[in-house]
Amino acid sequence: GVASRREAERLIEAGKVSVNGKVITSPALNVTE
């Protein structure tokens, strides 16, 4: 419920998303629980 997929990709490219404490800039990443 954070955003649509397209909006989520824009958030990622803007450096607003981090995974395991590391900022990501590409949506080409799979994550698990």
PDB file of all heavy atoms in Angstrom:
ATOM      1  N   GLY A   1       0.792  -1.227   0.000  1.00  0.00           N
ATOM      2  CA  GLY A   1       0.000   0.000   0.000  1.00  0.00           C
ATOM      3  C   GLY A   1       0.821   1.271   0.000  1.00  0.00           C
ATOM      4  O   GLY A   1       0.293   2.355   0.245  1.00  0.00           O
ATOM      5  N   VAL A   2       2.116   1.165  -0.306  1.00  0.00           N
ATOM      6  CA  VAL A   2       2.977   2.350  -0.305  1.00  0.00           C
ATOM      7  C   VAL A   2       2.706   3.219  -1.528  1.00  0.00           C
ATOM      8  O   VAL A   2       2.567   4.436  -1.436  1.00  0.00           O
ATOM      9  CB  VAL A   2       4.467   1.932  -0.269  1.00  0.00           C
ATOM     10  CG1 VAL A   2       5.372   3.150  -0.447  1.00  0.00           C
ATOM     11  CG2 VAL A   2       4.785   1.223   1.038  1.00  0.00           C
ATOM     12  N   ALA A   3       2.634   2.587  -2.683  1.00  0.00           N
ATOM     13  CA  ALA A   3       2.423   3.306  -3.940  1.00  0.00           C
ATOM     14  C   ALA A   3       2.142   2.285  -5.033  1.00  0.00           C
ATOM     15  O   ALA A   3       2.318   1.086  -4.823  1.00  0.00           O
ATOM     16  CB  ALA A   3       3.664   4.127  -4.303  1.00  0.00           C
ATOM     17  N   SER A   4       1.715   2.778  -6.191  1.00  0.00           N
ATOM     18  CA  SER A   4       1.565   1.883  -7.332  1.00  0.00           C
ATOM     19  C   SER A   4       2.960   1.409  -7.751  1.00  0.00           C
ATOM     20  O   SER A   4       3.974   1.975  -7.336  1.00  0.00           O
ATOM     21  CB  SER A   4       0.896   2.606  -8.506  1.00  0.00           C
ATOM     22  OG  SER A   4       1.763   3.596  -9.031  1.00  0.00           O
ATOM     23  N   ARG A   5       3.020   0.387  -8.575  1.00  0.00           N
ATOM     24  CA  ARG A   5       4.329  -0.111  -9.011  1.00  0.00           C
ATOM     25  C   ARG A   5       5.138   0.978  -9.708  1.00  0.00           C
ATOM     26  O   ARG A   5       6.333   1.131  -9.470  1.00  0.00           O
ATOM     27  CB  ARG A   5       4.157  -1.305  -9.962  1.00  0.00           C
ATOM     28  CG  ARG A   5       3.744  -2.570  -9.256  1.00  0.00           C
ATOM     29  CD  ARG A   5       4.013  -3.762 -10.145  1.00  0.00           C
ATOM     30  NE  ARG A   5       3.405  -4.963  -9.600  1.00  0.00           N
ATOM     31  CZ  ARG A   5       3.593  -6.178 -10.090  1.00  0.00           C
ATOM     32  NH1 ARG A   5       4.358  -6.344 -11.139  1.00  0.00           N
ATOM     33  NH2 ARG A   5       3.007  -7.230  -9.563  1.00  0.00           N
ATOM     34  N   ARG A   6       4.485   1.729 -10.569  1.00  0.00           N
ATOM     35  CA  ARG A   6       5.187   2.780 -11.298  1.00  0.00           C
ATOM     36  C   ARG A   6       5.683   3.865 -10.337  1.00  0.00           C
ATOM     37  O   ARG A   6       6.821   4.352 -10.456  1.00  0.00           O
ATOM     38  CB  ARG A   6       4.237   3.370 -12.346  1.00  0.00           C
ATOM     39  CG  ARG A   6       4.944   4.015 -13.526  1.00  0.00           C
ATOM     40  CD  ARG A   6       3.986   4.332 -14.651  1.00  0.00           C
ATOM     41  NE  ARG A   6       3.669   3.178 -15.465  1.00  0.00           N
ATOM     42  CZ  ARG A   6       2.858   3.209 -16.494  1.00  0.00           C
ATOM     43  NH1 ARG A   6       2.258   4.344 -16.816  1.00  0.00           N
ATOM     44  NH2 ARG A   6       2.632   2.133 -17.212  1.00  0.00           N
ATOM     45  N   GLU A   7       4.833   4.235  -9.390  1.00  0.00           N
ATOM     46  CA  GLU A   7       5.240   5.241  -8.395  1.00  0.00           C
ATOM     47  C   GLU A   7       6.353   4.701  -7.512  1.00  0.00           C
ATOM     48  O   GLU A   7       7.273   5.438  -7.128  1.00  0.00           O
ATOM     49  CB  GLU A   7       4.027   5.635  -7.545  1.00  0.00           C
ATOM     50  CG  GLU A   7       2.981   6.434  -8.308  1.00  0.00           C
ATOM     51  CD  GLU A   7       1.667   6.541  -7.543  1.00  0.00           C
ATOM     52  OE1 GLU A   7       1.480   5.770  -6.578  1.00  0.00           O
ATOM     53  OE2 GLU A   7       0.815   7.360  -7.924  1.00  0.00           O
ATOM     54  N   ALA A   8       6.280   3.400  -7.184  1.00  0.00           N
ATOM     55  CA  ALA A   8       7.320   2.786  -6.362  1.00  0.00           C
ATOM     56  C   ALA A   8       8.665   2.813  -7.082  1.00  0.00           C
ATOM     57  O   ALA A   8       9.709   3.066  -6.462  1.00  0.00           O
ATOM     58  CB  ALA A   8       6.943   1.344  -6.010  1.00  0.00           C
ATOM     59  N   GLU A   9       8.648   2.572  -8.392  1.00  0.00           N
ATOM     60  CA  GLU A   9       9.890   2.623  -9.164  1.00  0.00           C
ATOM     61  C   GLU A   9      10.491   4.023  -9.136  1.00  0.00           C
ATOM     62  O   GLU A   9      11.716   4.187  -9.059  1.00  0.00           O
ATOM     63  CB  GLU A   9       9.623   2.172 -10.595  1.00  0.00           C
ATOM     64  CG  GLU A   9       9.335   0.673 -10.697  1.00  0.00           C
ATOM     65  CD  GLU A   9       8.953   0.244 -12.092  1.00  0.00           C
ATOM     66  OE1 GLU A   9       8.828   1.134 -12.973  1.00  0.00           O
ATOM     67  OE2 GLU A   9       8.777  -0.978 -12.314  1.00  0.00           O
ATOM     68  N   ARG A  10       9.635   5.042  -9.172  1.00  0.00           N
ATOM     69  CA  ARG A  10      10.134   6.424  -9.100  1.00  0.00           C
ATOM     70  C   ARG A  10      10.743   6.720  -7.729  1.00  0.00           C
ATOM     71  O   ARG A  10      11.767   7.408  -7.630  1.00  0.00           O
ATOM     72  CB  ARG A  10       9.007   7.405  -9.420  1.00  0.00           C
ATOM     73  CG  ARG A  10       8.642   7.450 -10.905  1.00  0.00           C
ATOM     74  CD  ARG A  10       7.832   8.690 -11.238  1.00  0.00           C
ATOM     75  NE  ARG A  10       6.452   8.565 -10.786  1.00  0.00           N
ATOM     76  CZ  ARG A  10       5.461   8.130 -11.543  1.00  0.00           C
ATOM     77  NH1 ARG A  10       5.699   7.765 -12.786  1.00  0.00           N
ATOM     78  NH2 ARG A  10       4.232   8.060 -11.078  1.00  0.00           N
ATOM     79  N   LEU A  11      10.127   6.192  -6.672  1.00  0.00           N
ATOM     80  CA  LEU A  11      10.684   6.366  -5.332  1.00  0.00           C
ATOM     81  C   LEU A  11      12.068   5.717  -5.224  1.00  0.00           C
ATOM     82  O   LEU A  11      12.989   6.273  -4.618  1.00  0.00           O
ATOM     83  CB  LEU A  11       9.741   5.752  -4.281  1.00  0.00           C
ATOM     84  CG  LEU A  11       8.415   6.465  -4.025  1.00  0.00           C
ATOM     85  CD1 LEU A  11       7.539   5.628  -3.101  1.00  0.00           C
ATOM     86  CD2 LEU A  11       8.663   7.843  -3.404  1.00  0.00           C
ATOM     87  N   ILE A  12      12.181   4.535  -5.832  1.00  0.00           N
ATOM     88  CA  ILE A  12      13.459   3.825  -5.804  1.00  0.00           C
ATOM     89  C   ILE A  12      14.532   4.616  -6.546  1.00  0.00           C
ATOM     90  O   ILE A  12      15.648   4.818  -6.050  1.00  0.00           O
ATOM     91  CB  ILE A  12      13.293   2.418  -6.421  1.00  0.00           C
ATOM     92  CG1 ILE A  12      12.414   1.552  -5.511  1.00  0.00           C
ATOM     93  CG2 ILE A  12      14.648   1.754  -6.646  1.00  0.00           C
ATOM     94  CD1 ILE A  12      11.914   0.277  -6.160  1.00  0.00           C
ATOM     95  N   GLU A  13      14.198   5.080  -7.749  1.00  0.00           N
ATOM     96  CA  GLU A  13      15.157   5.841  -8.554  1.00  0.00           C
ATOM     97  C   GLU A  13      15.550   7.151  -7.882  1.00  0.00           C
ATOM     98  O   GLU A  13      16.651   7.667  -8.108  1.00  0.00           O
ATOM     99  CB  GLU A  13      14.567   6.103  -9.938  1.00  0.00           C
ATOM    100  CG  GLU A  13      14.434   4.827 -10.770  1.00  0.00           C
ATOM    101  CD  GLU A  13      13.563   5.000 -12.001  1.00  0.00           C
ATOM    102  OE1 GLU A  13      13.001   6.120 -12.165  1.00  0.00           O
ATOM    103  OE2 GLU A  13      13.428   4.037 -12.784  1.00  0.00           O
ATOM    104  N   ALA A  14      14.663   7.677  -7.009  1.00  0.00           N
ATOM    105  CA  ALA A  14      14.960   8.910  -6.285  1.00  0.00           C
ATOM    106  C   ALA A  14      15.769   8.651  -5.020  1.00  0.00           C
ATOM    107  O   ALA A  14      16.095   9.585  -4.282  1.00  0.00           O
ATOM    108  CB  ALA A  14      13.661   9.634  -5.929  1.00  0.00           C
ATOM    109  N   GLY A  15      16.111   7.382  -4.744  1.00  0.00           N
ATOM    110  CA  GLY A  15      16.928   7.049  -3.587  1.00  0.00           C
ATOM    111  C   GLY A  15      16.184   7.094  -2.264  1.00  0.00           C
ATOM    112  O   GLY A  15      16.797   7.266  -1.204  1.00  0.00           O
ATOM    113  N   LYS A  16      14.853   6.920  -2.322  1.00  0.00           N
ATOM    114  CA  LYS A  16      14.056   7.004  -1.097  1.00  0.00           C
ATOM    115  C   LYS A  16      13.785   5.635  -0.453  1.00  0.00           C
ATOM    116  O   LYS A  16      13.147   5.551   0.586  1.00  0.00           O
ATOM    117  CB  LYS A  16      12.724   7.700  -1.395  1.00  0.00           C
ATOM    118  CG  LYS A  16      12.869   9.157  -1.806  1.00  0.00           C
ATOM    119  CD  LYS A  16      11.518   9.793  -2.077  1.00  0.00           C
ATOM    120  CE  LYS A  16      11.651  11.265  -2.450  1.00  0.00           C
ATOM    121  NZ  LYS A  16      12.144  12.072  -1.307  1.00  0.00           N
ATOM    122  N   VAL A  17      14.242   4.566  -1.118  1.00  0.00           N
ATOM    123  CA  VAL A  17      13.971   3.215  -0.626  1.00  0.00           C
ATOM    124  C   VAL A  17      15.272   2.533  -0.221  1.00  0.00           C
ATOM    125  O   VAL A  17      16.271   2.609  -0.946  1.00  0.00           O
ATOM    126  CB  VAL A  17      13.266   2.375  -1.716  1.00  0.00           C
ATOM    127  CG1 VAL A  17      12.995   0.958  -1.214  1.00  0.00           C
ATOM    128  CG2 VAL A  17      11.957   3.047  -2.137  1.00  0.00           C
ATOM    129  N   SER A  18      15.256   1.874   0.933  1.00  0.00           N
ATOM    130  CA  SER A  18      16.426   1.120   1.378  1.00  0.00           C
ATOM    131  C   SER A  18      16.014  -0.305   1.718  1.00  0.00           C
ATOM    132  O   SER A  18      14.897  -0.557   2.167  1.00  0.00           O
ATOM    133  CB  SER A  18      17.092   1.778   2.588  1.00  0.00           C
ATOM    134  OG  SER A  18      16.203   1.808   3.695  1.00  0.00           O
ATOM    135  N   VAL A  19      16.924  -1.240   1.471  1.00  0.00           N
ATOM    136  CA  VAL A  19      16.714  -2.644   1.795  1.00  0.00           C
ATOM    137  C   VAL A  19      17.860  -3.106   2.679  1.00  0.00           C
ATOM    138  O   VAL A  19      19.028  -2.973   2.304  1.00  0.00           O
ATOM    139  CB  VAL A  19      16.645  -3.509   0.507  1.00  0.00           C
ATOM    140  CG1 VAL A  19      16.482  -4.988   0.865  1.00  0.00           C
ATOM    141  CG2 VAL A  19      15.495  -3.057  -0.378  1.00  0.00           C
ATOM    142  N   ASN A  20      17.508  -3.562   3.860  1.00  0.00           N
ATOM    143  CA  ASN A  20      18.502  -4.011   4.848  1.00  0.00           C
ATOM    144  C   ASN A  20      19.527  -2.921   5.145  1.00  0.00           C
ATOM    145  O   ASN A  20      20.731  -3.170   5.252  1.00  0.00           O
ATOM    146  CB  ASN A  20      19.202  -5.284   4.366  1.00  0.00           C
ATOM    147  CG  ASN A  20      18.215  -6.422   4.151  1.00  0.00           C
ATOM    148  OD1 ASN A  20      17.251  -6.568   4.894  1.00  0.00           O
ATOM    149  ND2 ASN A  20      18.442  -7.223   3.124  1.00  0.00           N
ATOM    150  N   GLY A  21      19.023  -1.674   5.223  1.00  0.00           N
ATOM    151  CA  GLY A  21      19.861  -0.540   5.595  1.00  0.00           C
ATOM    152  C   GLY A  21      20.648   0.084   4.459  1.00  0.00           C
ATOM    153  O   GLY A  21      21.350   1.076   4.655  1.00  0.00           O
ATOM    154  N   LYS A  22      20.520  -0.449   3.235  1.00  0.00           N
ATOM    155  CA  LYS A  22      21.265   0.071   2.092  1.00  0.00           C
ATOM    156  C   LYS A  22      20.298   0.690   1.084  1.00  0.00           C
ATOM    157  O   LYS A  22      19.341   0.057   0.664  1.00  0.00           O
ATOM    158  CB  LYS A  22      22.058  -1.055   1.427  1.00  0.00           C
ATOM    159  CG  LYS A  22      22.897  -0.584   0.251  1.00  0.00           C
ATOM    160  CD  LYS A  22      23.660  -1.745  -0.368  1.00  0.00           C
ATOM    161  CE  LYS A  22      24.475  -1.285  -1.578  1.00  0.00           C
ATOM    162  NZ  LYS A  22      25.233  -2.420  -2.195  1.00  0.00           N
ATOM    163  N   VAL A  23      20.569   1.941   0.706  1.00  0.00           N
ATOM    164  CA  VAL A  23      19.729   2.626  -0.275  1.00  0.00           C
ATOM    165  C   VAL A  23      19.885   1.960  -1.636  1.00  0.00           C
ATOM    166  O   VAL A  23      21.004   1.642  -2.065  1.00  0.00           O
ATOM    167  CB  VAL A  23      20.110   4.119  -0.383  1.00  0.00           C
ATOM    168  CG1 VAL A  23      19.338   4.797  -1.510  1.00  0.00           C
ATOM    169  CG2 VAL A  23      19.824   4.826   0.937  1.00  0.00           C
ATOM    170  N   ILE A  24      18.763   1.730  -2.315  1.00  0.00           N
ATOM    171  CA  ILE A  24      18.797   1.155  -3.659  1.00  0.00           C
ATOM    172  C   ILE A  24      18.304   2.193  -4.664  1.00  0.00           C
ATOM    173  O   ILE A  24      17.499   3.067  -4.329  1.00  0.00           O
ATOM    174  CB  ILE A  24      17.950  -0.126  -3.763  1.00  0.00           C
ATOM    175  CG1 ILE A  24      16.466   0.174  -3.491  1.00  0.00           C
ATOM    176  CG2 ILE A  24      18.473  -1.201  -2.816  1.00  0.00           C
ATOM    177  CD1 ILE A  24      15.540  -0.992  -3.804  1.00  0.00           C
ATOM    178  N   THR A  25      18.786   2.101  -5.886  1.00  0.00           N
ATOM    179  CA  THR A  25      18.382   3.057  -6.925  1.00  0.00           C
ATOM    180  C   THR A  25      17.864   2.356  -8.173  1.00  0.00           C
ATOM    181  O   THR A  25      17.559   3.002  -9.169  1.00  0.00           O
ATOM    182  CB  THR A  25      19.561   3.968  -7.318  1.00  0.00           C
ATOM    183  OG1 THR A  25      20.678   3.153  -7.711  1.00  0.00           O
ATOM    184  CG2 THR A  25      19.957   4.866  -6.138  1.00  0.00           C
ATOM    185  N   SER A  26      17.751   1.030  -8.119  1.00  0.00           N
ATOM    186  CA  SER A  26      17.213   0.277  -9.253  1.00  0.00           C
ATOM    187  C   SER A  26      16.121  -0.661  -8.770  1.00  0.00           C
ATOM    188  O   SER A  26      16.288  -1.342  -7.752  1.00  0.00           O
ATOM    189  CB  SER A  26      18.319  -0.542  -9.925  1.00  0.00           C
ATOM    190  OG  SER A  26      17.756  -1.450 -10.874  1.00  0.00           O
ATOM    191  N   PRO A  27      14.997  -0.726  -9.501  1.00  0.00           N
ATOM    192  CA  PRO A  27      13.908  -1.624  -9.113  1.00  0.00           C
ATOM    193  C   PRO A  27      14.181  -3.085  -9.486  1.00  0.00           C
ATOM    194  O   PRO A  27      13.366  -3.961  -9.195  1.00  0.00           O
ATOM    195  CB  PRO A  27      12.705  -1.080  -9.880  1.00  0.00           C
ATOM    196  CG  PRO A  27      13.306  -0.444 -11.088  1.00  0.00           C
ATOM    197  CD  PRO A  27      14.628   0.116 -10.663  1.00  0.00           C
ATOM    198  N   ALA A  28      15.320  -3.346 -10.131  1.00  0.00           N
ATOM    199  CA  ALA A  28      15.664  -4.707 -10.546  1.00  0.00           C
ATOM    200  C   ALA A  28      16.224  -5.497  -9.356  1.00  0.00           C
ATOM    201  O   ALA A  28      17.394  -5.893  -9.338  1.00  0.00           O
ATOM    202  CB  ALA A  28      16.658  -4.676 -11.698  1.00  0.00           C
ATOM    203  N   LEU A  29      15.374  -5.698  -8.378  1.00  0.00           N
ATOM    204  CA  LEU A  29      15.799  -6.394  -7.161  1.00  0.00           C
ATOM    205  C   LEU A  29      14.635  -7.196  -6.605  1.00  0.00           C
ATOM    206  O   LEU A  29      13.524  -6.685  -6.478  1.00  0.00           O
ATOM    207  CB  LEU A  29      16.264  -5.381  -6.103  1.00  0.00           C
ATOM    208  CG  LEU A  29      16.597  -5.939  -4.720  1.00  0.00           C
ATOM    209  CD1 LEU A  29      17.865  -6.794  -4.784  1.00  0.00           C
ATOM    210  CD2 LEU A  29      16.751  -4.816  -3.707  1.00  0.00           C
ATOM    211  N   ASN A  30      14.879  -8.445  -6.281  1.00  0.00           N
ATOM    212  CA  ASN A  30      13.878  -9.279  -5.629  1.00  0.00           C
ATOM    213  C   ASN A  30      14.118  -9.285  -4.131  1.00  0.00           C
ATOM    214  O   ASN A  30      15.274  -9.335  -3.683  1.00  0.00           O
ATOM    215  CB  ASN A  30      13.938 -10.722  -6.155  1.00  0.00           C
ATOM    216  CG  ASN A  30      13.180 -10.889  -7.452  1.00  0.00           C
ATOM    217  OD1 ASN A  30      13.127  -9.989  -8.274  1.00  0.00           O
ATOM    218  ND2 ASN A  30      12.582 -12.049  -7.643  1.00  0.00           N
ATOM    219  N   VAL A  31      13.041  -9.215  -3.365  1.00  0.00           N
ATOM    220  CA  VAL A  31      13.140  -9.248  -1.909  1.00  0.00           C
ATOM    221  C   VAL A  31      12.222 -10.337  -1.362  1.00  0.00           C
ATOM    222  O   VAL A  31      11.258 -10.748  -2.009  1.00  0.00           O
ATOM    223  CB  VAL A  31      12.766  -7.881  -1.286  1.00  0.00           C
ATOM    224  CG1 VAL A  31      13.776  -6.819  -1.661  1.00  0.00           C
ATOM    225  CG2 VAL A  31      11.370  -7.455  -1.711  1.00  0.00           C
ATOM    226  N   THR A  32      12.532 -10.801  -0.171  1.00  0.00           N
ATOM    227  CA  THR A  32      11.722 -11.816   0.502  1.00  0.00           C
ATOM    228  C   THR A  32      11.230 -11.270   1.829  1.00  0.00           C
ATOM    229  O   THR A  32      11.542 -10.128   2.208  1.00  0.00           O
ATOM    230  CB  THR A  32      12.544 -13.099   0.751  1.00  0.00           C
ATOM    231  OG1 THR A  32      13.544 -12.823   1.750  1.00  0.00           O
ATOM    232  CG2 THR A  32      13.217 -13.584  -0.524  1.00  0.00           C
ATOM    233  N   GLU A  33      10.491 -12.087   2.558  1.00  0.00           N
ATOM    234  CA  GLU A  33       9.955 -11.666   3.855  1.00  0.00           C
ATOM    235  C   GLU A  33      11.059 -11.388   4.864  1.00  0.00           C
ATOM    236  O   GLU A  33      10.847 -10.687   5.860  1.00  0.00           O
ATOM    237  CB  GLU A  33       9.014 -12.743   4.395  1.00  0.00           C
ATOM    238  CG  GLU A  33       7.760 -12.942   3.555  1.00  0.00           C
ATOM    239  CD  GLU A  33       6.879 -14.059   4.090  1.00  0.00           C
ATOM    240  OE1 GLU A  33       7.296 -14.728   5.061  1.00  0.00           O
ATOM    241  OE2 GLU A  33       5.783 -14.259   3.536  1.00  0.00           O
TER     242      GLU A  33
END
